[in-house]
Structure formats: C-alpha cells, structure tokens
Amino acid sequence: MKIRFTLNGEPVSVEAPAHISLLHMLRDYIGLTGTKEGCDVGECGACSVLLDGKLVNSCLVLAPQAGGRTVVTIEGVRGADGGPNDLQQNFIDHGAVQCGYCIPGMVLAGEALLARTLTPTRAETREALSGNLCRCTGYQQIVDAIEATAAERRSGAAGRSTAAEPVAQPAEVVHG
C-alpha cells in the first residue's frame, strides 16, 4: 500500500504493508531510527512522534493512519544551523541526557507541551512527560530543561527553532 504524508516538513510516499505500525514504517521502511522501539505496546513513550502536532506513541498507530497527515520525528527537531534546537540544547546543558534512549520521545513530549503553553507549571510539565519512561535521570533534569526552554522562549532569548522546520528528506521514498 502506498502511504503519502508529510514527514519532517517534506512530502513522502512510502510503499508499506497496511498492517504495520507507524513506528515500524519510520524505522524499517524509511530508515529513521531516532524514533525508538521500547515496548511496542504503548507503555514507554520511546516511540513518541508528533502526528498533526499531537504527541502519540507511534507503535499504536497503524502506518496507513499517517496518510495525508503530518508526522514529526526527532530527526525533524533541530536548530536553524542544523544542530540542536533550544530544547535539545537545554537537555544537554541541564544533564537531562543520560543513556539517551528515552530522549527523542522526551524532547517531542516537551515540544508538544511548549506548543500548547510557554507557561507550564511543574505539575503540567510532569504530566506532559508521564507517558515517557526514563530509567536514568529521575526526570528532574528533564523538567528543568523544559522549564528553562519555556522561560527562554517567553523572553525571546532563544532562537526559536522547533519541530515545525523541515529537514532534508527525500521527496519520494518508495520501499517495497
């Protein structure tokens, strides 16, 4: 089945079976491995992506459900210079990156929260992260990084490069 959608700002067309998950289409058919497979049952959040701006577990979304929609993976989040964006840099600066396995999902959860509000409370930030498991940091550094990014974006201090910007991606991806 041919699935057409916008991936990280670019239109793509992928030939993939209708029964596979969005996670497996991204990893196995497109080759974007930043979206991690943790549990494959929607419990860990390692496979989080933005689907039409909403945080979802890509392991619970069938690939055809992405048809005609917009998907942003961690590969679609970057700064204007192609390096880390402000949130990713704050993850680094606040020691929020340990083993790194959960970080793509955590960054996307943070971006989804900051797209809704630049004044999240600590409780709102923790709630926004509640679907993403981290075994290394204890979450404090992740919460601190998101709060710092919110403050920078509110003040205009950060060059606001977010998940809305496209990345270099082939216009036509066909795998079959």
N, C-alpha and C. Protein backbone atom coordinates (compact mmCIF):
# COMPACT_ATOMS: atom_id res chain seq x y z
N MET A 1 0.85 -1.17 0.00
CA MET A 1 0.00 0.00 0.00
C MET A 1 0.89 1.23 0.00
N LYS A 2 0.53 2.23 -0.80
CA LYS A 2 1.27 3.48 -0.86
C LYS A 2 0.68 4.45 0.15
N ILE A 3 1.53 4.98 1.01
CA ILE A 3 1.12 5.91 2.05
C ILE A 3 1.82 7.23 1.80
N ARG A 4 1.03 8.28 1.58
CA ARG A 4 1.56 9.62 1.33
C ARG A 4 1.27 10.50 2.55
N PHE A 5 2.29 11.18 3.01
CA PHE A 5 2.12 12.08 4.15
C PHE A 5 3.29 13.05 4.18
N THR A 6 3.24 14.00 5.11
CA THR A 6 4.33 14.95 5.29
C THR A 6 5.16 14.48 6.47
N LEU A 7 6.44 14.30 6.21
CA LEU A 7 7.37 13.81 7.24
C LEU A 7 8.45 14.86 7.45
N ASN A 8 8.49 15.40 8.64
CA ASN A 8 9.50 16.40 8.99
C ASN A 8 9.55 17.54 7.97
N GLY A 9 8.38 17.95 7.54
CA GLY A 9 8.26 19.10 6.65
C GLY A 9 8.31 18.80 5.17
N GLU A 10 8.51 17.55 4.80
CA GLU A 10 8.64 17.20 3.39
C GLU A 10 7.61 16.14 3.02
N PRO A 11 7.02 16.23 1.82
CA PRO A 11 6.09 15.20 1.38
C PRO A 11 6.84 13.89 1.09
N VAL A 12 6.29 12.78 1.52
CA VAL A 12 6.87 11.47 1.24
C VAL A 12 5.78 10.52 0.78
N SER A 13 6.21 9.50 0.10
CA SER A 13 5.33 8.43 -0.33
C SER A 13 6.07 7.13 -0.04
N VAL A 14 5.43 6.26 0.72
CA VAL A 14 6.08 5.03 1.16
C VAL A 14 5.21 3.84 0.79
N GLU A 15 5.82 2.84 0.22
CA GLU A 15 5.13 1.59 -0.07
C GLU A 15 5.38 0.67 1.13
N ALA A 16 4.31 0.38 1.88
CA ALA A 16 4.44 -0.43 3.09
C ALA A 16 3.16 -1.22 3.32
N PRO A 17 3.26 -2.34 4.02
CA PRO A 17 2.06 -3.13 4.32
C PRO A 17 1.10 -2.34 5.23
N ALA A 18 -0.17 -2.54 5.04
CA ALA A 18 -1.19 -1.83 5.81
C ALA A 18 -1.22 -2.23 7.27
N HIS A 19 -0.68 -3.39 7.60
CA HIS A 19 -0.79 -3.89 8.97
C HIS A 19 0.35 -3.45 9.89
N ILE A 20 1.37 -2.76 9.37
CA ILE A 20 2.49 -2.38 10.25
C ILE A 20 2.19 -1.06 10.95
N SER A 21 2.91 -0.84 12.03
CA SER A 21 2.75 0.40 12.80
C SER A 21 3.53 1.53 12.15
N LEU A 22 3.16 2.74 12.51
CA LEU A 22 3.89 3.92 12.09
C LEU A 22 5.35 3.80 12.54
N LEU A 23 5.58 3.31 13.74
CA LEU A 23 6.94 3.10 14.25
C LEU A 23 7.75 2.26 13.28
N HIS A 24 7.22 1.13 12.88
CA HIS A 24 7.98 0.23 12.01
C HIS A 24 8.11 0.78 10.60
N MET A 25 7.14 1.55 10.14
CA MET A 25 7.29 2.19 8.85
C MET A 25 8.43 3.19 8.90
N LEU A 26 8.48 4.01 9.96
CA LEU A 26 9.54 5.01 10.09
C LEU A 26 10.91 4.35 10.15
N ARG A 27 11.04 3.32 10.97
CA ARG A 27 12.33 2.68 11.19
C ARG A 27 12.73 1.76 10.03
N ASP A 28 11.83 0.88 9.64
CA ASP A 28 12.18 -0.20 8.71
C ASP A 28 12.00 0.15 7.24
N TYR A 29 11.09 1.05 6.93
CA TYR A 29 10.81 1.37 5.53
C TYR A 29 11.39 2.72 5.11
N ILE A 30 11.60 3.62 6.07
CA ILE A 30 12.14 4.93 5.75
C ILE A 30 13.58 5.07 6.26
N GLY A 31 13.90 4.33 7.30
CA GLY A 31 15.26 4.37 7.82
C GLY A 31 15.52 5.44 8.87
N LEU A 32 14.47 6.01 9.43
CA LEU A 32 14.62 6.99 10.51
C LEU A 32 14.60 6.24 11.84
N THR A 33 15.76 6.07 12.44
CA THR A 33 15.87 5.26 13.64
C THR A 33 15.91 6.07 14.93
N GLY A 34 15.71 7.38 14.84
CA GLY A 34 15.66 8.20 16.05
C GLY A 34 14.44 7.87 16.90
N THR A 35 13.37 7.45 16.27
CA THR A 35 12.17 7.00 16.98
C THR A 35 12.47 5.60 17.48
N LYS A 36 12.51 5.43 18.78
CA LYS A 36 12.97 4.17 19.39
C LYS A 36 11.83 3.19 19.62
N GLU A 37 12.16 1.92 19.54
CA GLU A 37 11.22 0.86 19.91
C GLU A 37 11.59 0.38 21.30
N GLY A 38 10.71 0.64 22.24
CA GLY A 38 10.97 0.21 23.61
C GLY A 38 10.12 -0.99 23.97
N CYS A 39 8.82 -0.79 24.00
CA CYS A 39 7.91 -1.84 24.46
C CYS A 39 7.01 -2.38 23.36
N ASP A 40 6.75 -1.57 22.35
CA ASP A 40 5.87 -1.90 21.22
C ASP A 40 4.42 -2.12 21.65
N VAL A 41 4.06 -1.63 22.84
CA VAL A 41 2.67 -1.73 23.32
C VAL A 41 2.16 -0.42 23.92
N GLY A 42 2.85 0.69 23.67
CA GLY A 42 2.36 1.99 24.11
C GLY A 42 2.59 2.33 25.57
N GLU A 43 3.51 1.66 26.23
CA GLU A 43 3.73 1.90 27.66
C GLU A 43 4.92 2.81 27.97
N CYS A 44 5.93 2.85 27.09
CA CYS A 44 7.18 3.52 27.47
C CYS A 44 7.38 4.91 26.87
N GLY A 45 6.77 5.21 25.74
CA GLY A 45 6.92 6.51 25.11
C GLY A 45 8.18 6.69 24.29
N ALA A 46 9.03 5.67 24.21
CA ALA A 46 10.27 5.80 23.43
C ALA A 46 9.98 6.04 21.95
N CYS A 47 8.81 5.63 21.49
CA CYS A 47 8.44 5.77 20.07
C CYS A 47 7.61 7.01 19.80
N SER A 48 7.58 7.95 20.73
CA SER A 48 6.76 9.15 20.56
C SER A 48 7.13 9.95 19.33
N VAL A 49 6.11 10.39 18.60
CA VAL A 49 6.24 11.31 17.47
C VAL A 49 5.10 12.31 17.57
N LEU A 50 5.18 13.36 16.79
CA LEU A 50 4.07 14.30 16.70
C LEU A 50 3.28 13.96 15.45
N LEU A 51 2.00 13.71 15.60
CA LEU A 51 1.10 13.42 14.49
C LEU A 51 0.11 14.56 14.44
N ASP A 52 0.20 15.37 13.41
CA ASP A 52 -0.59 16.61 13.31
C ASP A 52 -0.45 17.45 14.58
N GLY A 53 0.78 17.50 15.11
CA GLY A 53 1.08 18.31 16.28
C GLY A 53 0.76 17.68 17.62
N LYS A 54 0.16 16.51 17.61
CA LYS A 54 -0.22 15.83 18.86
C LYS A 54 0.76 14.70 19.14
N LEU A 55 1.20 14.61 20.39
CA LEU A 55 2.12 13.56 20.80
C LEU A 55 1.40 12.21 20.78
N VAL A 56 1.96 11.24 20.07
CA VAL A 56 1.38 9.90 20.01
C VAL A 56 2.48 8.87 20.13
N ASN A 57 2.11 7.69 20.57
CA ASN A 57 3.00 6.54 20.56
C ASN A 57 2.89 5.91 19.17
N SER A 58 3.94 6.01 18.39
CA SER A 58 3.87 5.54 17.01
C SER A 58 3.70 4.04 16.91
N CYS A 59 3.96 3.32 17.98
CA CYS A 59 3.75 1.86 17.96
C CYS A 59 2.27 1.51 18.00
N LEU A 60 1.43 2.47 18.38
CA LEU A 60 -0.01 2.24 18.47
C LEU A 60 -0.79 2.80 17.29
N VAL A 61 -0.09 3.40 16.34
CA VAL A 61 -0.71 4.00 15.16
C VAL A 61 -0.37 3.13 13.96
N LEU A 62 -1.38 2.69 13.23
CA LEU A 62 -1.10 1.94 12.01
C LEU A 62 -0.54 2.88 10.95
N ALA A 63 0.41 2.40 10.19
CA ALA A 63 1.06 3.23 9.17
C ALA A 63 0.06 3.96 8.27
N PRO A 64 -0.98 3.28 7.77
CA PRO A 64 -1.92 3.99 6.89
C PRO A 64 -2.63 5.17 7.56
N GLN A 65 -2.69 5.18 8.90
CA GLN A 65 -3.32 6.30 9.60
C GLN A 65 -2.53 7.60 9.45
N ALA A 66 -1.28 7.51 9.02
CA ALA A 66 -0.47 8.70 8.78
C ALA A 66 -0.81 9.32 7.43
N GLY A 67 -1.50 8.61 6.57
CA GLY A 67 -1.83 9.09 5.24
C GLY A 67 -2.50 10.46 5.27
N GLY A 68 -1.94 11.39 4.50
CA GLY A 68 -2.49 12.74 4.40
C GLY A 68 -2.23 13.62 5.60
N ARG A 69 -1.45 13.13 6.54
CA ARG A 69 -1.21 13.87 7.77
C ARG A 69 0.24 14.33 7.86
N THR A 70 0.56 14.98 8.97
CA THR A 70 1.92 15.49 9.20
C THR A 70 2.53 14.74 10.37
N VAL A 71 3.71 14.19 10.15
CA VAL A 71 4.44 13.46 11.18
C VAL A 71 5.77 14.17 11.41
N VAL A 72 6.09 14.40 12.68
CA VAL A 72 7.40 14.95 13.04
C VAL A 72 8.07 13.96 13.96
N THR A 73 9.27 13.54 13.58
CA THR A 73 10.10 12.66 14.40
C THR A 73 11.22 13.50 15.00
N ILE A 74 12.04 12.88 15.83
CA ILE A 74 13.16 13.61 16.42
C ILE A 74 14.10 14.15 15.34
N GLU A 75 14.17 13.48 14.20
CA GLU A 75 15.01 13.98 13.11
C GLU A 75 14.49 15.31 12.56
N GLY A 76 13.24 15.64 12.82
CA GLY A 76 12.66 16.90 12.37
C GLY A 76 12.79 18.03 13.36
N VAL A 77 13.45 17.78 14.48
CA VAL A 77 13.65 18.81 15.51
C VAL A 77 15.12 19.19 15.48
N ARG A 78 15.40 20.45 15.11
CA ARG A 78 16.77 20.90 15.05
C ARG A 78 16.82 22.41 15.04
N GLY A 79 17.98 22.93 15.33
CA GLY A 79 18.19 24.36 15.31
C GLY A 79 18.35 24.87 13.88
N ALA A 80 18.34 26.18 13.75
CA ALA A 80 18.47 26.81 12.44
C ALA A 80 19.78 26.43 11.75
N ASP A 81 20.82 26.15 12.55
CA ASP A 81 22.11 25.77 12.00
C ASP A 81 22.23 24.28 11.73
N GLY A 82 21.13 23.55 11.96
CA GLY A 82 21.14 22.10 11.75
C GLY A 82 21.55 21.32 12.98
N GLY A 83 22.03 22.00 14.01
CA GLY A 83 22.40 21.35 15.27
C GLY A 83 21.20 21.28 16.19
N PRO A 84 21.45 21.09 17.48
CA PRO A 84 20.34 21.01 18.43
C PRO A 84 19.52 22.29 18.47
N ASN A 85 18.19 22.15 18.67
CA ASN A 85 17.39 23.34 18.87
C ASN A 85 17.51 23.76 20.33
N ASP A 86 16.79 24.79 20.72
CA ASP A 86 16.92 25.32 22.08
C ASP A 86 16.55 24.28 23.15
N LEU A 87 15.51 23.51 22.93
CA LEU A 87 15.12 22.50 23.91
C LEU A 87 16.18 21.40 23.99
N GLN A 88 16.63 20.94 22.87
CA GLN A 88 17.68 19.91 22.87
C GLN A 88 18.94 20.42 23.56
N GLN A 89 19.31 21.67 23.31
CA GLN A 89 20.49 22.24 23.95
C GLN A 89 20.30 22.33 25.46
N ASN A 90 19.08 22.67 25.88
CA ASN A 90 18.82 22.71 27.33
C ASN A 90 18.86 21.32 27.94
N PHE A 91 18.45 20.29 27.20
CA PHE A 91 18.60 18.92 27.70
C PHE A 91 20.09 18.65 27.96
N ILE A 92 20.94 19.06 27.04
CA ILE A 92 22.38 18.86 27.21
C ILE A 92 22.88 19.68 28.39
N ASP A 93 22.54 20.96 28.43
CA ASP A 93 23.03 21.87 29.46
C ASP A 93 22.57 21.49 30.87
N HIS A 94 21.41 20.88 30.99
CA HIS A 94 20.87 20.51 32.30
C HIS A 94 21.15 19.06 32.69
N GLY A 95 21.96 18.37 31.91
CA GLY A 95 22.30 16.99 32.24
C GLY A 95 21.12 16.04 32.10
N ALA A 96 20.20 16.37 31.21
CA ALA A 96 19.00 15.55 31.04
C ALA A 96 19.23 14.37 30.11
N VAL A 97 20.40 14.30 29.51
CA VAL A 97 20.70 13.21 28.58
C VAL A 97 21.64 12.24 29.29
N GLN A 98 21.12 11.07 29.59
CA GLN A 98 21.94 10.04 30.23
C GLN A 98 22.23 8.96 29.19
N CYS A 99 21.50 7.87 29.22
CA CYS A 99 21.74 6.83 28.21
C CYS A 99 21.23 7.28 26.85
N GLY A 100 20.22 8.16 26.82
CA GLY A 100 19.73 8.73 25.59
C GLY A 100 18.57 8.01 24.94
N TYR A 101 18.25 6.82 25.40
CA TYR A 101 17.22 6.04 24.72
C TYR A 101 15.85 6.72 24.76
N CYS A 102 15.48 7.30 25.87
CA CYS A 102 14.17 7.94 26.00
C CYS A 102 14.14 9.37 25.47
N ILE A 103 15.30 9.93 25.20
CA ILE A 103 15.40 11.36 24.91
C ILE A 103 14.62 11.80 23.68
N PRO A 104 14.62 11.06 22.56
CA PRO A 104 13.80 11.52 21.44
C PRO A 104 12.32 11.71 21.83
N GLY A 105 11.77 10.75 22.55
CA GLY A 105 10.38 10.86 22.99
C GLY A 105 10.19 11.98 24.00
N MET A 106 11.14 12.16 24.89
CA MET A 106 11.06 13.24 25.88
C MET A 106 11.12 14.61 25.21
N VAL A 107 12.00 14.77 24.23
CA VAL A 107 12.10 16.05 23.52
C VAL A 107 10.78 16.34 22.81
N LEU A 108 10.22 15.34 22.14
CA LEU A 108 8.95 15.56 21.44
C LEU A 108 7.81 15.84 22.42
N ALA A 109 7.82 15.19 23.59
CA ALA A 109 6.82 15.50 24.62
C ALA A 109 6.98 16.94 25.10
N GLY A 110 8.22 17.37 25.26
CA GLY A 110 8.49 18.75 25.65
C GLY A 110 8.04 19.73 24.59
N GLU A 111 8.32 19.43 23.32
CA GLU A 111 7.89 20.31 22.22
C GLU A 111 6.37 20.39 22.16
N ALA A 112 5.69 19.26 22.36
CA ALA A 112 4.23 19.26 22.34
C ALA A 112 3.68 20.14 23.46
N LEU A 113 4.28 20.03 24.64
CA LEU A 113 3.85 20.86 25.77
C LEU A 113 4.10 22.33 25.47
N LEU A 114 5.29 22.67 25.00
CA LEU A 114 5.63 24.07 24.75
C LEU A 114 4.84 24.66 23.58
N ALA A 115 4.35 23.83 22.70
CA ALA A 115 3.47 24.32 21.64
C ALA A 115 2.11 24.72 22.20
N ARG A 116 1.71 24.07 23.31
CA ARG A 116 0.43 24.40 23.96
C ARG A 116 0.55 25.59 24.88
N THR A 117 1.68 25.69 25.60
CA THR A 117 1.85 26.77 26.57
C THR A 117 3.33 27.02 26.82
N LEU A 118 3.68 28.29 26.95
CA LEU A 118 5.04 28.64 27.34
C LEU A 118 5.11 28.97 28.82
N THR A 119 4.00 28.71 29.53
CA THR A 119 3.98 28.93 30.98
C THR A 119 3.49 27.68 31.71
N PRO A 120 4.09 26.52 31.42
CA PRO A 120 3.62 25.32 32.10
C PRO A 120 4.04 25.32 33.57
N THR A 121 3.18 24.82 34.41
CA THR A 121 3.56 24.62 35.80
C THR A 121 4.42 23.36 35.87
N ARG A 122 5.08 23.16 37.01
CA ARG A 122 5.87 21.93 37.18
C ARG A 122 4.96 20.70 37.06
N ALA A 123 3.77 20.82 37.61
CA ALA A 123 2.83 19.70 37.54
C ALA A 123 2.42 19.43 36.09
N GLU A 124 2.19 20.48 35.31
CA GLU A 124 1.84 20.30 33.89
C GLU A 124 3.00 19.68 33.11
N THR A 125 4.21 20.11 33.45
CA THR A 125 5.38 19.55 32.77
C THR A 125 5.52 18.07 33.10
N ARG A 126 5.39 17.73 34.35
CA ARG A 126 5.48 16.31 34.75
C ARG A 126 4.35 15.49 34.11
N GLU A 127 3.16 16.06 34.03
CA GLU A 127 2.04 15.37 33.39
C GLU A 127 2.32 15.15 31.90
N ALA A 128 2.90 16.16 31.25
CA ALA A 128 3.22 16.04 29.82
C ALA A 128 4.24 14.94 29.56
N LEU A 129 5.07 14.66 30.54
CA LEU A 129 6.10 13.62 30.41
C LEU A 129 5.63 12.26 30.93
N SER A 130 4.45 12.20 31.49
CA SER A 130 4.01 10.99 32.20
C SER A 130 3.92 9.75 31.31
N GLY A 131 3.80 9.90 30.01
CA GLY A 131 3.74 8.74 29.13
C GLY A 131 5.10 8.29 28.64
N ASN A 132 6.16 8.93 29.11
CA ASN A 132 7.51 8.63 28.68
C ASN A 132 8.35 8.17 29.87
N LEU A 133 8.82 6.95 29.79
CA LEU A 133 9.61 6.40 30.89
C LEU A 133 11.09 6.69 30.72
N CYS A 134 11.74 7.04 31.83
CA CYS A 134 13.18 7.26 31.86
C CYS A 134 13.73 6.51 33.06
N ARG A 135 14.72 5.70 32.83
CA ARG A 135 15.31 4.91 33.91
C ARG A 135 16.58 5.55 34.45
N CYS A 136 17.08 6.61 33.84
CA CYS A 136 18.40 7.14 34.21
C CYS A 136 18.35 8.45 34.98
N THR A 137 17.53 9.40 34.56
CA THR A 137 17.66 10.75 35.10
C THR A 137 16.83 11.03 36.34
N GLY A 138 15.77 10.29 36.56
CA GLY A 138 14.86 10.64 37.63
C GLY A 138 13.97 11.81 37.27
N TYR A 139 13.99 12.23 36.02
CA TYR A 139 13.11 13.24 35.43
C TYR A 139 13.44 14.67 35.83
N GLN A 140 14.09 14.93 36.94
CA GLN A 140 14.29 16.30 37.40
C GLN A 140 15.02 17.15 36.37
N GLN A 141 16.09 16.61 35.80
CA GLN A 141 16.85 17.37 34.81
C GLN A 141 16.02 17.63 33.55
N ILE A 142 15.16 16.69 33.20
CA ILE A 142 14.31 16.86 32.02
C ILE A 142 13.30 17.97 32.26
N VAL A 143 12.68 17.97 33.43
CA VAL A 143 11.74 19.03 33.80
C VAL A 143 12.46 20.38 33.81
N ASP A 144 13.65 20.41 34.39
CA ASP A 144 14.43 21.66 34.43
C ASP A 144 14.73 22.17 33.02
N ALA A 145 15.07 21.27 32.11
CA ALA A 145 15.40 21.66 30.74
C ALA A 145 14.17 22.25 30.03
N ILE A 146 13.03 21.63 30.25
CA ILE A 146 11.80 22.14 29.62
C ILE A 146 11.42 23.49 30.21
N GLU A 147 11.54 23.64 31.52
CA GLU A 147 11.24 24.93 32.15
C GLU A 147 12.18 26.02 31.65
N ALA A 148 13.46 25.71 31.51
CA ALA A 148 14.42 26.70 31.02
C ALA A 148 14.08 27.11 29.59
N THR A 149 13.70 26.15 28.77
CA THR A 149 13.33 26.46 27.38
C THR A 149 12.08 27.33 27.34
N ALA A 150 11.10 27.02 28.18
CA ALA A 150 9.88 27.83 28.23
C ALA A 150 10.23 29.28 28.59
N ALA A 151 11.09 29.44 29.59
CA ALA A 151 11.48 30.78 30.01
C ALA A 151 12.21 31.52 28.89
N GLU A 152 13.11 30.83 28.20
CA GLU A 152 13.83 31.46 27.09
C GLU A 152 12.89 31.84 25.96
N ARG A 153 11.97 30.97 25.64
CA ARG A 153 11.03 31.26 24.55
C ARG A 153 10.09 32.40 24.93
N ARG A 154 9.70 32.47 26.20
CA ARG A 154 8.85 33.57 26.65
C ARG A 154 9.58 34.90 26.51
N SER A 155 10.85 34.91 26.87
CA SER A 155 11.62 36.14 26.85
C SER A 155 12.15 36.48 25.46
N GLY A 156 12.03 35.54 24.54
CA GLY A 156 12.56 35.76 23.20
C GLY A 156 14.06 35.60 23.14
N ALA A 157 14.67 35.10 24.22
CA ALA A 157 16.12 34.95 24.29
C ALA A 157 16.63 33.84 23.39
N ALA A 158 15.82 32.84 23.16
CA ALA A 158 16.26 31.71 22.35
C ALA A 158 15.86 31.92 20.91
N GLY A 159 16.74 31.52 20.01
CA GLY A 159 16.34 31.47 18.61
C GLY A 159 15.36 30.31 18.51
N ARG A 160 14.11 30.56 18.33
CA ARG A 160 13.10 29.52 18.43
C ARG A 160 13.06 28.66 17.17
N SER A 161 13.86 27.65 17.18
CA SER A 161 13.84 26.65 16.12
C SER A 161 13.19 25.42 16.72
N THR A 162 12.10 25.00 16.16
CA THR A 162 11.36 23.89 16.74
C THR A 162 11.06 22.83 15.71
N ALA A 163 10.16 21.96 16.08
CA ALA A 163 9.80 20.83 15.23
C ALA A 163 9.06 21.24 13.97
N ALA A 164 8.74 22.50 13.81
CA ALA A 164 7.98 22.94 12.64
C ALA A 164 8.85 23.05 11.39
N GLU A 165 10.17 23.07 11.57
CA GLU A 165 11.04 23.27 10.42
C GLU A 165 11.34 21.95 9.73
N PRO A 166 11.35 21.96 8.39
CA PRO A 166 11.63 20.72 7.67
C PRO A 166 13.11 20.36 7.74
N VAL A 167 13.38 19.09 7.55
CA VAL A 167 14.75 18.62 7.44
C VAL A 167 14.95 18.05 6.05
N ALA A 168 16.19 17.86 5.68
CA ALA A 168 16.47 17.26 4.38
C ALA A 168 15.92 15.84 4.38
N GLN A 169 15.03 15.59 3.49
CA GLN A 169 14.36 14.29 3.40
C GLN A 169 14.02 14.07 1.94
N PRO A 170 14.23 12.88 1.44
CA PRO A 170 13.87 12.66 0.03
C PRO A 170 12.39 12.88 -0.20
N ALA A 171 12.06 13.49 -1.33
CA ALA A 171 10.66 13.78 -1.63
C ALA A 171 9.87 12.52 -1.92
N GLU A 172 10.52 11.51 -2.40
CA GLU A 172 9.82 10.27 -2.74
C GLU A 172 10.59 9.10 -2.13
N VAL A 173 10.02 8.46 -1.17
CA VAL A 173 10.63 7.28 -0.58
C VAL A 173 9.74 6.12 -0.95
N VAL A 174 10.27 5.22 -1.72
CA VAL A 174 9.49 4.05 -2.10
C VAL A 174 10.28 2.82 -1.68
N HIS A 175 9.64 2.01 -0.89
CA HIS A 175 10.27 0.78 -0.43
C HIS A 175 9.25 -0.33 -0.55
N GLY A 176 9.61 -1.41 -1.04
CA GLY A 176 8.62 -2.44 -1.19
C GLY A 176 9.16 -3.76 -1.25
